[in-house]
Amino acid sequence: AESLLGEAEAELSKAEMLESRDTKIRDAELGGRSAMIG
């Protein structure tokens, strides 16, 4: 049971890292695009 819990926590932290990375990339793209338009 403990190993399953550890795997679930690892998956969760991995998902959170991916999500925050995607958000940073999206912010950079939006910022770059608006800067070019402006």
PDB file of N, CA and C in Angstrom:
ATOM      1  N   ALA A   1       0.848  -1.213   0.000  1.00  0.00           N
ATOM      2  CA  ALA A   1       0.000   0.000   0.000  1.00  0.00           C
ATOM      3  C   ALA A   1       0.873   1.248   0.000  1.00  0.00           C
ATOM      4  N   GLU A   2       1.978   1.188   0.734  1.00  0.00           N
ATOM      5  CA  GLU A   2       2.843   2.374   0.802  1.00  0.00           C
ATOM      6  C   GLU A   2       3.467   2.703  -0.550  1.00  0.00           C
ATOM      7  N   SER A   3       3.845   1.655  -1.285  1.00  0.00           N
ATOM      8  CA  SER A   3       4.461   1.900  -2.595  1.00  0.00           C
ATOM      9  C   SER A   3       3.449   2.519  -3.548  1.00  0.00           C
ATOM     10  N   LEU A   4       2.183   2.103  -3.450  1.00  0.00           N
ATOM     11  CA  LEU A   4       1.136   2.684  -4.298  1.00  0.00           C
ATOM     12  C   LEU A   4       0.966   4.154  -3.964  1.00  0.00           C
ATOM     13  N   LEU A   5       0.988   4.479  -2.679  1.00  0.00           N
ATOM     14  CA  LEU A   5       0.844   5.871  -2.253  1.00  0.00           C
ATOM     15  C   LEU A   5       2.007   6.697  -2.784  1.00  0.00           C
ATOM     16  N   GLY A   6       3.206   6.151  -2.704  1.00  0.00           N
ATOM     17  CA  GLY A   6       4.379   6.851  -3.208  1.00  0.00           C
ATOM     18  C   GLY A   6       4.279   7.104  -4.702  1.00  0.00           C
ATOM     19  N   GLU A   7       3.785   6.108  -5.434  1.00  0.00           N
ATOM     20  CA  GLU A   7       3.639   6.274  -6.886  1.00  0.00           C
ATOM     21  C   GLU A   7       2.602   7.341  -7.202  1.00  0.00           C
ATOM     22  N   ALA A   8       1.507   7.353  -6.446  1.00  0.00           N
ATOM     23  CA  ALA A   8       0.452   8.347  -6.663  1.00  0.00           C
ATOM     24  C   ALA A   8       0.997   9.747  -6.404  1.00  0.00           C
ATOM     25  N   GLU A   9       1.793   9.885  -5.348  1.00  0.00           N
ATOM     26  CA  GLU A   9       2.369  11.194  -5.035  1.00  0.00           C
ATOM     27  C   GLU A   9       3.341  11.631  -6.122  1.00  0.00           C
ATOM     28  N   ALA A  10       4.110  10.681  -6.651  1.00  0.00           N
ATOM     29  CA  ALA A  10       5.059  10.998  -7.717  1.00  0.00           C
ATOM     30  C   ALA A  10       4.315  11.455  -8.964  1.00  0.00           C
ATOM     31  N   GLU A  11       3.228  10.762  -9.297  1.00  0.00           N
ATOM     32  CA  GLU A  11       2.426  11.139 -10.465  1.00  0.00           C
ATOM     33  C   GLU A  11       1.852  12.534 -10.276  1.00  0.00           C
ATOM     34  N   LEU A  12       1.373  12.818  -9.069  1.00  0.00           N
ATOM     35  CA  LEU A  12       0.766  14.111  -8.778  1.00  0.00           C
ATOM     36  C   LEU A  12       1.799  15.224  -8.916  1.00  0.00           C
ATOM     37  N   SER A  13       2.974  15.037  -8.344  1.00  0.00           N
ATOM     38  CA  SER A  13       3.997  16.080  -8.425  1.00  0.00           C
ATOM     39  C   SER A  13       4.460  16.267  -9.865  1.00  0.00           C
ATOM     40  N   LYS A  14       4.513  15.162 -10.625  1.00  0.00           N
ATOM     41  CA  LYS A  14       4.907  15.252 -12.029  1.00  0.00           C
ATOM     42  C   LYS A  14       3.874  16.063 -12.806  1.00  0.00           C
ATOM     43  N   ALA A  15       2.603  15.780 -12.548  1.00  0.00           N
ATOM     44  CA  ALA A  15       1.520  16.490 -13.229  1.00  0.00           C
ATOM     45  C   ALA A  15       1.560  17.979 -12.884  1.00  0.00           C
ATOM     46  N   GLU A  16       1.851  18.286 -11.618  1.00  0.00           N
ATOM     47  CA  GLU A  16       1.907  19.689 -11.199  1.00  0.00           C
ATOM     48  C   GLU A  16       3.061  20.415 -11.886  1.00  0.00           C
ATOM     49  N   MET A  17       4.201  19.739 -12.003  1.00  0.00           N
ATOM     50  CA  MET A  17       5.346  20.358 -12.673  1.00  0.00           C
ATOM     51  C   MET A  17       5.025  20.629 -14.136  1.00  0.00           C
ATOM     52  N   LEU A  18       4.414  19.649 -14.800  1.00  0.00           N
ATOM     53  CA  LEU A  18       4.051  19.824 -16.208  1.00  0.00           C
ATOM     54  C   LEU A  18       3.075  20.976 -16.360  1.00  0.00           C
ATOM     55  N   GLU A  19       2.105  21.043 -15.448  1.00  0.00           N
ATOM     56  CA  GLU A  19       1.090  22.083 -15.530  1.00  0.00           C
ATOM     57  C   GLU A  19       1.714  23.464 -15.374  1.00  0.00           C
ATOM     58  N   SER A  20       2.595  23.622 -14.383  1.00  0.00           N
ATOM     59  CA  SER A  20       3.215  24.926 -14.161  1.00  0.00           C
ATOM     60  C   SER A  20       4.122  25.294 -15.333  1.00  0.00           C
ATOM     61  N   ARG A  21       4.777  24.287 -15.927  1.00  0.00           N
ATOM     62  CA  ARG A  21       5.639  24.555 -17.078  1.00  0.00           C
ATOM     63  C   ARG A  21       4.798  25.010 -18.272  1.00  0.00           C
ATOM     64  N   ASP A  22       3.681  24.325 -18.500  1.00  0.00           N
ATOM     65  CA  ASP A  22       2.793  24.700 -19.604  1.00  0.00           C
ATOM     66  C   ASP A  22       2.282  26.119 -19.415  1.00  0.00           C
ATOM     67  N   THR A  23       1.943  26.472 -18.181  1.00  0.00           N
ATOM     68  CA  THR A  23       1.431  27.817 -17.902  1.00  0.00           C
ATOM     69  C   THR A  23       2.509  28.854 -18.203  1.00  0.00           C
ATOM     70  N   LYS A  24       3.755  28.575 -17.819  1.00  0.00           N
ATOM     71  CA  LYS A  24       4.847  29.516 -18.090  1.00  0.00           C
ATOM     72  C   LYS A  24       5.030  29.694 -19.591  1.00  0.00           C
ATOM     73  N   ILE A  25       4.968  28.592 -20.333  1.00  0.00           N
ATOM     74  CA  ILE A  25       5.140  28.654 -21.787  1.00  0.00           C
ATOM     75  C   ILE A  25       4.016  29.468 -22.406  1.00  0.00           C
ATOM     76  N   ARG A  26       2.781  29.218 -21.951  1.00  0.00           N
ATOM     77  CA  ARG A  26       1.636  29.967 -22.478  1.00  0.00           C
ATOM     78  C   ARG A  26       1.791  31.448 -22.179  1.00  0.00           C
ATOM     79  N   ASP A  27       2.201  31.781 -20.963  1.00  0.00           N
ATOM     80  CA  ASP A  27       2.388  33.187 -20.594  1.00  0.00           C
ATOM     81  C   ASP A  27       3.449  33.827 -21.484  1.00  0.00           C
ATOM     82  N   ALA A  28       4.532  33.111 -21.738  1.00  0.00           N
ATOM     83  CA  ALA A  28       5.607  33.642 -22.567  1.00  0.00           C
ATOM     84  C   ALA A  28       5.107  33.879 -23.989  1.00  0.00           C
ATOM     85  N   GLU A  29       4.336  32.926 -24.504  1.00  0.00           N
ATOM     86  CA  GLU A  29       3.807  33.071 -25.867  1.00  0.00           C
ATOM     87  C   GLU A  29       2.863  34.264 -25.949  1.00  0.00           C
ATOM     88  N   LEU A  30       1.967  34.379 -24.978  1.00  0.00           N
ATOM     89  CA  LEU A  30       1.010  35.489 -24.975  1.00  0.00           C
ATOM     90  C   LEU A  30       1.757  36.815 -24.844  1.00  0.00           C
ATOM     91  N   GLY A  31       2.719  36.871 -23.950  1.00  0.00           N
ATOM     92  CA  GLY A  31       3.488  38.091 -23.752  1.00  0.00           C
ATOM     93  C   GLY A  31       4.254  38.459 -25.012  1.00  0.00           C
ATOM     94  N   GLY A  32       4.885  37.485 -25.651  1.00  0.00           N
ATOM     95  CA  GLY A  32       5.646  37.735 -26.873  1.00  0.00           C
ATOM     96  C   GLY A  32       4.745  38.209 -27.993  1.00  0.00           C
ATOM     97  N   ARG A  33       3.573  37.599 -28.104  1.00  0.00           N
ATOM     98  CA  ARG A  33       2.653  37.954 -29.179  1.00  0.00           C
ATOM     99  C   ARG A  33       2.142  39.384 -28.999  1.00  0.00           C
ATOM    100  N   SER A  34       1.736  39.731 -27.792  1.00  0.00           N
ATOM    101  CA  SER A  34       1.200  41.073 -27.553  1.00  0.00           C
ATOM    102  C   SER A  34       2.304  42.115 -27.728  1.00  0.00           C
ATOM    103  N   ALA A  35       3.541  41.747 -27.395  1.00  0.00           N
ATOM    104  CA  ALA A  35       4.655  42.676 -27.565  1.00  0.00           C
ATOM    105  C   ALA A  35       4.902  42.927 -29.052  1.00  0.00           C
ATOM    106  N   MET A  36       4.797  41.872 -29.868  1.00  0.00           N
ATOM    107  CA  MET A  36       5.003  42.018 -31.310  1.00  0.00           C
ATOM    108  C   MET A  36       3.895  42.872 -31.924  1.00  0.00           C
ATOM    109  N   ILE A  37       2.659  42.614 -31.508  1.00  0.00           N
ATOM    110  CA  ILE A  37       1.519  43.363 -32.055  1.00  0.00           C
ATOM    111  C   ILE A  37       1.643  44.831 -31.656  1.00  0.00           C
ATOM    112  N   GLY A  38       1.996  45.057 -30.394  1.00  0.00           N
ATOM    113  CA  GLY A  38       2.104  46.427 -29.907  1.00  0.00           C
ATOM    114  C   GLY A  38       3.301  47.082 -30.543  1.00  0.00           C
TER     115      GLY A  38
END
